[in-house]
Protein backbone atom coordinates (compact mmCIF):
# COMPACT_ATOMS: atom_id res chain seq x y z
CA MET A 1 33.89 254.95 -27.15
CA ALA A 2 37.28 253.53 -26.00
CA VAL A 3 40.01 252.84 -28.76
CA PRO A 4 41.05 249.03 -28.27
CA SER A 5 44.83 248.62 -27.64
CA PRO A 6 46.67 246.91 -30.14
CA ALA A 7 47.51 243.38 -29.64
CA PRO A 8 51.15 242.81 -28.29
CA LEU A 9 53.49 241.58 -30.77
CA PRO A 10 54.84 238.21 -30.89
CA VAL A 11 57.66 237.44 -28.73
CA THR A 12 60.96 236.02 -30.11
CA VAL A 13 63.97 234.66 -28.12
CA ASP A 14 67.48 234.38 -29.62
CA ASP A 15 71.03 234.94 -29.03
CA ALA A 16 71.69 238.75 -28.51
CA VAL A 17 73.94 240.58 -30.82
CA PRO A 18 76.05 243.64 -30.04
CA ALA A 19 73.49 246.00 -31.11
CA ASP A 20 71.02 244.57 -28.38
CA PHE A 21 73.55 245.31 -25.51
CA PRO A 22 72.72 248.74 -24.72
CA ALA A 23 69.14 247.92 -24.47
CA ILE A 24 69.84 244.76 -22.15
CA ALA A 25 71.88 246.86 -20.00
CA ASP A 26 69.37 249.60 -19.41
CA LEU A 27 66.71 247.22 -18.75
CA THR A 28 68.83 245.07 -16.31
CA VAL A 29 70.10 248.02 -14.51
CA GLY A 30 66.83 249.62 -14.29
CA VAL A 31 64.91 246.58 -12.89
CA TYR A 32 67.52 245.61 -10.40
CA ARG A 33 67.71 249.34 -9.46
CA ASP A 34 64.17 250.16 -9.36
CA GLU A 35 62.91 247.26 -7.60
CA GLU A 36 65.93 247.42 -5.08
CA LEU A 37 67.15 244.05 -6.11
CA ALA A 38 70.94 244.80 -6.44
CA SER A 39 73.03 247.19 -4.38
CA ASP A 40 74.73 250.18 -6.01
CA ALA A 41 77.95 248.34 -6.19
CA TYR A 42 76.76 245.65 -8.52
CA LEU A 43 75.02 247.95 -11.09
CA PRO A 44 77.94 248.17 -13.12
CA GLN A 45 78.26 244.21 -13.28
CA LEU A 46 74.58 244.22 -14.43
CA ALA A 47 75.37 247.04 -17.20
CA ASP A 48 78.52 245.13 -18.44
CA VAL A 49 76.52 243.12 -21.06
CA GLU A 50 79.42 242.89 -23.43
CA GLY A 51 81.62 241.20 -20.44
CA ARG A 52 78.84 238.68 -19.91
CA ALA A 53 78.63 237.95 -23.59
CA GLY A 54 82.38 236.71 -23.25
CA ARG A 55 81.44 234.27 -20.57
CA SER A 56 78.00 233.24 -21.21
CA GLN A 57 75.36 232.99 -23.88
CA VAL A 58 73.21 236.15 -23.48
CA ILE A 59 69.74 235.50 -24.72
CA VAL A 60 67.27 238.02 -25.44
CA ALA A 61 63.55 238.32 -25.77
CA ARG A 62 62.00 240.88 -28.19
CA GLU A 63 58.75 242.07 -29.11
CA GLY A 64 59.02 243.27 -32.53
CA SER A 65 62.50 245.08 -32.39
CA ARG A 66 62.14 245.82 -28.43
CA VAL A 67 64.09 244.21 -26.00
CA VAL A 68 61.73 243.04 -23.31
CA GLY A 69 63.87 240.30 -21.60
CA ALA A 70 67.13 238.67 -21.17
CA VAL A 71 69.16 236.18 -19.52
CA ALA A 72 72.72 234.78 -19.21
CA LEU A 73 73.18 231.10 -19.62
CA VAL A 74 76.40 229.70 -18.50
CA LEU A 75 77.59 226.55 -19.86
CA ASP A 76 81.27 226.57 -18.50
CA GLY A 77 83.44 228.72 -16.54
CA ASP A 78 83.53 230.76 -13.26
CA PHE A 79 80.55 232.80 -14.41
CA GLY A 80 78.45 230.08 -13.28
CA GLU A 81 79.52 231.22 -9.77
CA ILE A 82 77.52 228.21 -7.95
CA THR A 83 78.27 225.44 -10.65
CA GLU A 84 80.41 222.73 -9.10
CA SER A 85 80.98 219.96 -11.77
CA ALA A 86 81.11 220.09 -15.74
CA ASP A 87 77.82 218.50 -15.92
CA GLU A 88 76.07 221.68 -14.46
CA ALA A 89 74.97 224.78 -16.23
CA ALA A 90 73.63 228.00 -14.49
CA PHE A 91 71.89 231.01 -15.59
CA ARG A 92 72.01 234.70 -14.33
CA MET A 93 70.74 237.96 -14.59
CA LEU A 94 67.37 237.08 -15.72
CA VAL A 95 65.26 239.99 -16.30
CA VAL A 96 61.92 240.81 -17.84
CA ASP A 97 60.58 244.51 -18.57
CA PRO A 98 57.82 244.93 -15.89
CA ALA A 99 55.45 246.61 -19.03
CA VAL A 100 55.25 242.78 -20.13
CA ARG A 101 55.45 240.92 -17.33
CA GLY A 102 52.57 238.16 -16.75
CA ARG A 103 53.04 237.15 -20.46
CA GLY A 104 55.29 234.20 -19.65
CA ILE A 105 58.41 235.95 -21.02
CA GLY A 106 60.48 234.60 -17.87
CA GLU A 107 59.27 231.23 -18.29
CA VAL A 108 60.14 231.35 -22.12
CA LEU A 109 63.52 232.66 -21.48
CA VAL A 110 64.40 229.88 -18.68
CA THR A 111 62.93 227.15 -20.91
CA GLU A 112 65.40 228.13 -23.54
CA CYS A 113 68.12 228.18 -21.00
CA LEU A 114 66.79 224.54 -20.13
CA ASP A 115 66.93 223.56 -23.58
CA ARG A 116 70.14 224.64 -24.31
CA ALA A 117 71.69 222.98 -21.51
CA ARG A 118 70.28 219.57 -22.59
CA ALA A 119 71.44 219.84 -25.94
CA ALA A 120 75.00 220.70 -24.43
CA GLY A 121 75.21 217.28 -22.59
CA LYS A 122 74.49 219.31 -19.23
CA ARG A 123 72.67 217.07 -16.61
CA ARG A 124 71.61 220.01 -13.96
CA MET A 125 70.80 223.67 -14.22
CA VAL A 126 71.77 225.48 -10.89
CA LEU A 127 70.80 228.80 -10.29
CA SER A 128 71.22 231.41 -7.09
CA THR A 129 68.63 234.04 -6.54
CA ASP A 130 67.77 236.78 -3.74
CA PRO A 131 65.53 235.96 -1.14
CA VAL A 132 63.14 238.92 -2.20
CA MET A 133 62.62 237.64 -5.70
CA THR A 134 59.82 235.93 -5.13
CA ALA A 135 58.04 236.13 -8.43
CA ALA A 136 61.11 234.23 -9.77
CA HIS A 137 60.79 231.89 -7.14
CA ARG A 138 57.27 230.91 -8.20
CA LEU A 139 58.45 230.50 -11.68
CA TYR A 140 61.38 228.19 -10.69
CA GLY A 141 58.78 226.23 -8.67
CA ARG A 142 56.50 225.71 -11.49
CA LEU A 143 59.10 224.40 -13.96
CA GLY A 144 60.47 221.93 -11.18
CA PHE A 145 63.21 223.55 -9.53
CA THR A 146 63.75 222.58 -6.10
CA ARG A 147 65.76 224.28 -3.45
CA LEU A 148 69.29 223.35 -2.80
CA PRO A 149 70.02 224.80 0.60
CA GLU A 150 73.34 223.42 1.14
CA ARG A 151 74.70 225.74 -1.78
CA ASP A 152 72.97 229.05 -0.50
CA TRP A 153 75.96 231.42 -0.38
CA ALA A 154 76.91 235.08 0.18
CA PRO A 155 79.05 236.77 -2.40
CA ARG A 156 79.58 239.45 0.23
CA PRO A 157 78.55 240.22 3.79
CA GLY A 158 74.80 240.87 4.15
CA ILE A 159 74.07 239.48 0.65
CA ASP A 160 72.63 235.87 1.16
CA LEU A 161 71.58 234.12 -1.96
CA LEU A 162 69.23 231.15 -2.27
CA ALA A 163 70.43 227.93 -4.55
CA TYR A 164 68.04 226.13 -6.84
CA ALA A 165 68.65 223.11 -9.01
CA LEU A 166 66.79 221.40 -11.82
CA ASP A 167 67.87 217.93 -12.95
CA LEU A 168 67.80 217.78 -16.73
């Protein structure tokens, strides 16, 4: 007789603390590398959680004490990359552990970003994403984001990113 798997622990979402940074770096680099979502040249930036914590709010999802997701919310500054005005926020580097996908963790992280941006008085959330990140595109569509093709951009030749926006 098969032994039932234990029920998953509840997922909590809050601000990342420095002790979380190595796990966030490992998760982010691992997912982007293993799923071929980033070039090798971009991996050091993905690993620099401390650096992005100084330019954004790094939000973490935990299952028990284990980091299972993270995102960087940018309310001001150039780290937003595609923000064009002070009333826009952005989020970047959204990642969810493949072992827990399908449980709504990405949606919880994005919703937390939206709630925090509204609380900060922002009127629009913008983001850019790689065309191959189709699961993320479905999530953004479910949450009401629409394409913003006039703001598609290329950080480097051969890296073409799609822009999405949601009025808050």
